[in-house]
Amino acid sequence: MNYRPVMNQIPPVVKNLIIINVLLLFATWVLGGRGIDLVEYLGMHYPGSDKFMLHQIITHMFMHGGITHLFFNMFALWMFGRVLESVWGSQRFLVYYFVTGLGAVALHTFVNYLEISSMQHTIEAFRNTPSPEILDQFVSKHLSNASVQVRDFINTWYGDVANTAYANEGMKLMDRILQMKMDIPTVGASGAVFGVLLAFGVLFPNTQLMLLFPPIPIKAKYFVIGYGAIELYLGLAQPGSNVAHFAHLGGMLFGYLLIKYWNKSTKNFY
């Protein structure tokens, strides 16, 4: 198949995805000024949270935390997505985009499940044998920005271990931290965009890309491998981070699996 990208045109799926994402960020700003938190309604919450709603599995992919978050995702979608859509066609590209986006949130939710299950087990252990040591470790691991009041409370309990009032307050604190964790919304098209990046690297592995920092050329395949390795390292080294590193990896993983499936079932993949 002869492929000549039309650089001054944006294919329909990529164009409409960008438009929807931009409009929803604008709507978030406008409604936020009127006391309506669109992120709470459309962002993806953990299924155990009271704020979880089924539609969030899809809608979170079109929400963003700010203009910078939106810009980098949409820039990558424009740069790499238009090439893929021109090669695959709009229907296949749209399927790929949603499969990688859903795969991203699936892996992200699974990692959250592991963390939340661990938190619940710690809380149960604390309930059976309350101690300031367990509370201290729990807070240090799951509440990185603990207030001075929380720290003072724990330190005071160390000096009066037998006081059951501290145990009761400690139990309430741990329950609040667990609830906070489940209520954190996940937003962004990053998972699907990382899937798009992976597909570009697989289909056009030797295409030269120019990095911004440092400004050096690199082949697409090495860029994708390097980016994936960084995301894996950060996901393992920074659990509980505000960046959903495993969602990025999920998008790449499901993208790779879908491409392999298409390769087996189609003689002319592109």
Protein backbone atom coordinates (compact mmCIF):
# COMPACT_ATOMS: atom_id res chain seq x y z
CA MET A 1 0.00 0.00 0.00
CA ASN A 2 1.38 3.40 -0.96
CA TYR A 3 1.00 5.90 1.85
CA ARG A 4 1.51 9.64 1.49
CA PRO A 5 0.36 11.57 4.56
CA VAL A 6 -1.55 14.77 3.93
CA MET A 7 0.08 16.97 6.56
CA ASN A 8 -2.35 19.86 6.30
CA GLN A 9 -5.43 17.71 6.89
CA ILE A 10 -6.76 16.06 10.05
CA PRO A 11 -8.78 12.87 9.50
CA PRO A 12 -12.32 12.88 10.97
CA VAL A 13 -11.90 10.66 14.06
CA VAL A 14 -8.78 12.44 15.29
CA LYS A 15 -10.37 15.82 14.58
CA ASN A 16 -13.57 14.99 16.44
CA LEU A 17 -11.72 13.44 19.38
CA ILE A 18 -9.72 16.64 19.77
CA ILE A 19 -12.86 18.79 19.51
CA ILE A 20 -14.71 16.74 22.16
CA ASN A 21 -11.77 16.88 24.57
CA VAL A 22 -11.37 20.64 24.13
CA LEU A 23 -15.11 21.28 24.57
CA LEU A 24 -15.26 19.20 27.74
CA LEU A 25 -12.35 21.07 29.31
CA PHE A 26 -14.09 24.33 28.46
CA ALA A 27 -17.34 22.97 29.95
CA THR A 28 -15.43 21.96 33.09
CA TRP A 29 -14.24 25.54 33.53
CA VAL A 30 -17.64 27.11 32.84
CA LEU A 31 -19.65 24.75 35.05
CA GLY A 32 -16.99 24.86 37.76
CA GLY A 33 -17.62 28.59 38.05
CA ARG A 34 -21.25 27.74 38.77
CA GLY A 35 -20.47 25.19 41.46
CA ILE A 36 -20.79 22.09 39.26
CA ASP A 37 -17.82 19.72 39.38
CA LEU A 38 -17.88 17.92 36.04
CA VAL A 39 -14.81 15.87 36.96
CA GLU A 40 -16.68 14.32 39.88
CA TYR A 41 -19.44 13.20 37.50
CA LEU A 42 -17.40 12.19 34.43
CA GLY A 43 -14.02 11.24 35.92
CA MET A 44 -13.33 7.56 36.61
CA HIS A 45 -13.74 6.60 40.27
CA TYR A 46 -12.80 3.31 41.87
CA PRO A 47 -15.79 0.90 41.62
CA GLY A 48 -15.91 0.65 45.43
CA SER A 49 -16.50 4.38 45.75
CA ASP A 50 -19.96 5.85 46.21
CA LYS A 51 -19.05 8.26 43.42
CA PHE A 52 -18.52 5.53 40.83
CA MET A 53 -20.97 5.45 37.91
CA LEU A 54 -20.81 3.06 34.97
CA HIS A 55 -20.56 5.77 32.30
CA GLN A 56 -17.28 6.97 33.83
CA ILE A 57 -15.49 4.02 32.21
CA ILE A 58 -15.89 5.90 28.92
CA THR A 59 -16.29 9.55 29.87
CA HIS A 60 -13.04 9.81 31.85
CA MET A 61 -11.17 9.46 28.55
CA PHE A 62 -12.46 12.88 27.44
CA MET A 63 -11.75 14.78 30.65
CA HIS A 64 -8.50 16.52 31.56
CA GLY A 65 -6.99 18.13 34.62
CA GLY A 66 -5.97 21.35 32.90
CA ILE A 67 -4.76 23.01 29.73
CA THR A 68 -1.25 21.51 29.91
CA HIS A 69 -2.61 18.00 30.39
CA LEU A 70 -4.97 18.49 27.47
CA PHE A 71 -2.38 20.07 25.19
CA PHE A 72 0.21 17.31 25.41
CA ASN A 73 -2.38 14.55 24.95
CA MET A 74 -4.04 16.25 21.99
CA PHE A 75 -0.71 17.19 20.42
CA ALA A 76 0.40 13.53 20.52
CA LEU A 77 -2.99 12.40 19.21
CA TRP A 78 -2.73 14.89 16.34
CA MET A 79 0.88 14.02 15.54
CA PHE A 80 0.62 10.22 15.57
CA GLY A 81 -3.11 9.53 15.39
CA ARG A 82 -3.66 11.21 12.03
CA VAL A 83 -1.00 8.97 10.49
CA LEU A 84 -2.59 5.83 11.91
CA GLU A 85 -6.10 6.84 10.88
CA SER A 86 -4.90 7.61 7.35
CA VAL A 87 -3.32 4.15 7.15
CA TRP A 88 -5.97 2.09 8.96
CA GLY A 89 -9.10 4.01 8.10
CA SER A 90 -11.39 5.76 10.54
CA GLN A 91 -13.34 2.73 11.77
CA ARG A 92 -10.31 0.64 12.69
CA PHE A 93 -8.56 3.59 14.29
CA LEU A 94 -11.61 4.39 16.42
CA VAL A 95 -11.84 0.76 17.58
CA TYR A 96 -8.15 0.80 18.44
CA TYR A 97 -8.45 4.08 20.33
CA PHE A 98 -11.27 2.83 22.55
CA VAL A 99 -9.74 -0.62 23.12
CA THR A 100 -6.51 0.96 24.34
CA GLY A 101 -8.40 3.52 26.44
CA LEU A 102 -10.50 0.80 28.08
CA GLY A 103 -7.44 -1.40 28.53
CA ALA A 104 -5.67 1.47 30.22
CA VAL A 105 -8.43 2.03 32.77
CA ALA A 106 -8.72 -1.73 33.34
CA LEU A 107 -5.06 -2.07 34.32
CA HIS A 108 -5.17 1.15 36.34
CA THR A 109 -8.23 -0.09 38.25
CA PHE A 110 -6.59 -3.46 38.89
CA VAL A 111 -3.49 -1.77 40.35
CA ASN A 112 -5.77 0.40 42.49
CA TYR A 113 -7.57 -2.74 43.63
CA LEU A 114 -4.28 -4.25 44.81
CA GLU A 115 -3.39 -1.10 46.73
CA ILE A 116 -6.85 -0.67 48.25
CA SER A 117 -7.01 -4.35 49.24
CA SER A 118 -3.67 -3.93 51.00
CA MET A 119 -5.01 -0.85 52.80
CA GLN A 120 -8.11 -2.77 53.90
CA HIS A 121 -6.00 -5.62 55.27
CA THR A 122 -3.87 -3.15 57.24
CA ILE A 123 -6.99 -1.49 58.63
CA GLU A 124 -8.33 -4.89 59.71
CA ALA A 125 -5.03 -5.68 61.43
CA PHE A 126 -5.19 -2.32 63.19
CA ARG A 127 -8.75 -3.01 64.28
CA ASN A 128 -7.62 -6.24 65.95
CA THR A 129 -4.44 -4.85 67.53
CA PRO A 130 -4.41 -1.03 67.37
CA SER A 131 -1.00 0.60 67.74
CA PRO A 132 0.61 3.93 66.81
CA GLU A 133 3.25 2.02 64.82
CA ILE A 134 0.67 0.57 62.41
CA LEU A 135 -1.05 3.92 62.05
CA ASP A 136 2.26 5.71 61.50
CA GLN A 137 3.28 3.31 58.72
CA PHE A 138 -0.16 3.51 57.13
CA VAL A 139 -0.15 7.31 57.08
CA SER A 140 3.45 7.49 55.79
CA LYS A 141 2.63 5.14 52.91
CA HIS A 142 -0.80 6.41 51.88
CA LEU A 143 -0.92 10.06 52.95
CA SER A 144 2.25 11.73 51.74
CA ASN A 145 0.95 15.22 52.51
CA ALA A 146 -0.15 14.45 56.07
CA SER A 147 -0.92 17.59 58.04
CA VAL A 148 0.95 18.73 61.14
CA GLN A 149 -2.14 17.89 63.20
CA VAL A 150 -2.08 14.27 62.00
CA ARG A 151 1.61 13.96 62.79
CA ASP A 152 1.14 15.53 66.21
CA PHE A 153 -1.71 13.12 66.93
CA ILE A 154 0.45 10.08 66.11
CA ASN A 155 3.38 11.39 68.15
CA THR A 156 1.10 12.08 71.12
CA TRP A 157 -0.26 8.53 70.94
CA TYR A 158 3.27 7.14 71.08
CA GLY A 159 3.48 8.76 74.52
CA ASP A 160 0.19 7.28 75.76
CA VAL A 161 -0.15 3.91 74.03
CA ALA A 162 -2.74 2.47 76.43
CA ASN A 163 -5.29 5.23 75.80
CA THR A 164 -8.14 3.62 73.80
CA ALA A 165 -9.41 7.04 72.69
CA TYR A 166 -6.36 7.34 70.43
CA ALA A 167 -7.11 3.93 68.92
CA ASN A 168 -10.66 5.00 68.05
CA GLU A 169 -9.46 8.21 66.44
CA GLY A 170 -6.76 6.30 64.59
CA MET A 171 -9.39 3.95 63.19
CA LYS A 172 -11.45 6.88 61.93
CA LEU A 173 -8.37 8.45 60.35
CA MET A 174 -7.48 5.28 58.46
CA ASP A 175 -11.05 4.91 57.21
CA ARG A 176 -10.98 8.50 55.93
CA ILE A 177 -7.70 7.92 54.10
CA LEU A 178 -9.12 4.77 52.49
CA GLN A 179 -12.22 6.66 51.38
CA MET A 180 -10.10 9.50 50.00
CA LYS A 181 -8.14 6.97 47.95
CA MET A 182 -11.30 5.44 46.46
CA ASP A 183 -12.78 8.87 45.71
CA ILE A 184 -9.83 10.17 43.67
CA PRO A 185 -11.05 10.58 40.05
CA THR A 186 -8.92 9.51 37.11
CA VAL A 187 -9.17 11.67 33.99
CA GLY A 188 -7.42 11.96 30.67
CA ALA A 189 -6.91 10.40 27.25
CA SER A 190 -3.34 9.42 28.15
CA GLY A 191 -3.98 5.67 28.12
CA ALA A 192 -5.40 5.73 24.59
CA VAL A 193 -2.73 8.20 23.47
CA PHE A 194 0.02 5.89 24.73
CA GLY A 195 -1.68 3.13 22.74
CA VAL A 196 -1.51 5.37 19.66
CA LEU A 197 2.17 6.02 20.35
CA LEU A 198 2.81 2.28 20.63
CA ALA A 199 1.04 1.60 17.33
CA PHE A 200 3.10 4.24 15.55
CA GLY A 201 6.28 2.66 16.89
CA VAL A 202 5.19 -0.80 15.73
CA LEU A 203 4.04 0.27 12.25
CA PHE A 204 6.81 2.77 11.59
CA PRO A 205 9.69 1.58 13.79
CA ASN A 206 12.49 3.28 11.87
CA THR A 207 10.83 6.69 11.50
CA GLN A 208 13.07 9.39 12.99
CA LEU A 209 11.50 11.48 15.74
CA MET A 210 13.04 14.62 17.16
CA LEU A 211 13.07 14.88 20.94
CA LEU A 212 12.57 18.24 22.61
CA PHE A 213 14.74 17.52 25.65
CA PRO A 214 17.44 16.81 24.60
CA PRO A 215 16.94 17.89 20.94
CA ILE A 216 18.26 14.72 19.32
CA PRO A 217 16.77 12.36 16.71
CA ILE A 218 15.62 8.91 17.77
CA LYS A 219 13.91 6.06 15.95
CA ALA A 220 10.26 5.55 16.85
CA LYS A 221 10.82 2.00 18.12
CA TYR A 222 13.48 3.12 20.61
CA PHE A 223 11.34 6.04 21.70
CA VAL A 224 8.41 3.75 22.45
CA ILE A 225 10.56 1.19 24.28
CA GLY A 226 12.23 3.93 26.32
CA TYR A 227 8.94 5.60 27.19
CA GLY A 228 7.42 2.28 28.24
CA ALA A 229 10.42 1.47 30.43
CA ILE A 230 10.20 4.87 32.12
CA GLU A 231 6.50 4.45 32.81
CA LEU A 232 7.08 0.99 34.30
CA TYR A 233 9.86 2.30 36.54
CA LEU A 234 7.79 5.28 37.71
CA GLY A 235 4.74 3.10 38.29
CA LEU A 236 6.74 0.79 40.56
CA ALA A 237 8.83 3.50 42.22
CA GLN A 238 6.02 5.98 42.83
CA PRO A 239 2.89 4.06 43.91
CA GLY A 240 0.00 6.38 44.69
CA SER A 241 1.37 9.06 42.36
CA ASN A 242 -0.98 11.63 40.84
CA VAL A 243 0.12 10.33 37.42
CA ALA A 244 -1.56 7.07 36.34
CA HIS A 245 1.58 5.35 35.05
CA PHE A 246 -0.05 1.92 34.87
CA ALA A 247 -2.87 3.38 32.79
CA HIS A 248 -0.24 4.46 30.27
CA LEU A 249 1.25 0.98 30.32
CA GLY A 250 -2.22 -0.52 29.98
CA GLY A 251 -2.84 1.48 26.82
CA MET A 252 0.44 0.28 25.35
CA LEU A 253 -0.13 -3.34 26.40
CA PHE A 254 -3.65 -3.62 25.00
CA GLY A 255 -2.57 -1.77 21.86
CA TYR A 256 0.23 -4.27 21.30
CA LEU A 257 -2.10 -7.23 21.84
CA LEU A 258 -4.71 -5.83 19.45
CA ILE A 259 -2.11 -5.17 16.76
CA LYS A 260 -0.81 -8.73 17.12
CA TYR A 261 -4.36 -10.06 16.81
CA TRP A 262 -5.02 -7.98 13.70
CA ASN A 263 -1.70 -9.13 12.21
CA LYS A 264 -2.78 -12.76 12.56
CA SER A 265 -6.26 -12.25 11.16
CA THR A 266 -5.44 -9.89 8.28
CA LYS A 267 -3.14 -10.51 5.33
CA ASN A 268 -2.60 -6.82 4.61
CA PHE A 269 -2.48 -5.16 8.00
CA TYR A 270 -1.59 -1.72 6.60
